[in-house]
Amino acid sequence: MPKLKTHKATAKRFQIKKSKKGITILKRNDGQDHFNSRESGKTKRNKKTDNTMSRTMKKTILRAMPHN
């Protein structure tokens, strides 16, 4: 059987957290690099928080990252 390889682009974008409750996958919000001065304070604040991925996306991401 061939080796299972990690999809590197997926590994860079998502972070896997394991706890007693189960596995959660976090993703940084988009659009944090530049042009943020024009955003409202509420938008800037919301961009700083991480997003939790849905159950269906979690399945796909875990398949792409077998060793995490």
Protein backbone atom coordinates (compact mmCIF):
# COMPACT_ATOMS: atom_id res chain seq x y z
CA MET A 1 0.00 0.00 0.00
CA PRO A 2 1.44 3.44 -0.89
CA LYS A 3 2.29 6.07 1.68
CA LEU A 4 -0.43 8.50 2.75
CA LYS A 5 0.70 12.01 1.94
CA THR A 6 -0.37 15.24 3.59
CA HIS A 7 -1.88 17.88 1.30
CA LYS A 8 0.49 20.75 2.13
CA ALA A 9 -1.80 23.63 1.09
CA THR A 10 -4.50 22.28 3.42
CA ALA A 11 -1.98 21.83 6.24
CA LYS A 12 -0.95 25.49 5.95
CA ARG A 13 -4.50 26.84 6.02
CA PHE A 14 -6.12 24.77 8.75
CA GLN A 15 -5.25 23.97 12.34
CA ILE A 16 -6.51 20.81 14.05
CA LYS A 17 -7.30 20.97 17.76
CA LYS A 18 -7.99 17.78 19.69
CA SER A 19 -9.80 17.73 23.03
CA LYS A 20 -11.99 15.42 25.11
CA LYS A 21 -15.06 16.77 23.28
CA GLY A 22 -13.61 15.83 19.88
CA ILE A 23 -11.73 17.38 17.00
CA THR A 24 -12.22 21.00 15.96
CA ILE A 25 -10.69 22.52 12.87
CA LEU A 26 -9.86 26.22 12.83
CA LYS A 27 -9.29 28.50 9.86
CA ARG A 28 -8.12 32.11 9.86
CA ASN A 29 -10.51 34.66 8.37
CA ASP A 30 -9.86 35.97 4.87
CA GLY A 31 -8.70 39.45 3.95
CA GLN A 32 -6.45 40.41 6.85
CA ASP A 33 -3.38 41.42 4.86
CA HIS A 34 -4.04 44.95 3.62
CA PHE A 35 -6.75 47.57 2.94
CA ASN A 36 -7.97 47.20 6.51
CA SER A 37 -8.01 50.90 7.36
CA ARG A 38 -11.20 51.36 5.37
CA GLU A 39 -13.00 48.64 7.31
CA SER A 40 -15.25 49.46 10.23
CA GLY A 41 -14.13 48.56 13.75
CA LYS A 42 -16.65 45.74 13.90
CA THR A 43 -15.29 44.17 10.70
CA LYS A 44 -11.68 44.46 11.87
CA ARG A 45 -12.56 42.80 15.17
CA ASN A 46 -14.43 39.98 13.46
CA LYS A 47 -11.50 39.30 11.12
CA LYS A 48 -9.24 38.58 14.10
CA THR A 49 -11.27 35.57 15.26
CA ASP A 50 -10.83 32.06 13.86
CA ASN A 51 -13.63 30.20 12.10
CA THR A 52 -14.66 26.69 13.12
CA MET A 53 -15.28 24.43 10.15
CA SER A 54 -18.52 22.52 9.59
CA ARG A 55 -18.83 18.76 9.99
CA THR A 56 -18.74 18.09 6.23
CA MET A 57 -15.65 20.27 5.70
CA LYS A 58 -14.02 18.61 8.72
CA LYS A 59 -14.31 15.22 7.02
CA THR A 60 -12.66 16.50 3.82
CA ILE A 61 -9.86 18.29 5.66
CA LEU A 62 -9.03 15.29 7.84
CA ARG A 63 -8.81 13.11 4.73
CA ALA A 64 -6.30 15.57 3.21
CA MET A 65 -4.23 15.60 6.43
CA PRO A 66 -3.89 11.97 7.54
CA HIS A 67 -0.97 12.45 9.97
CA ASN A 68 -2.39 15.23 12.15
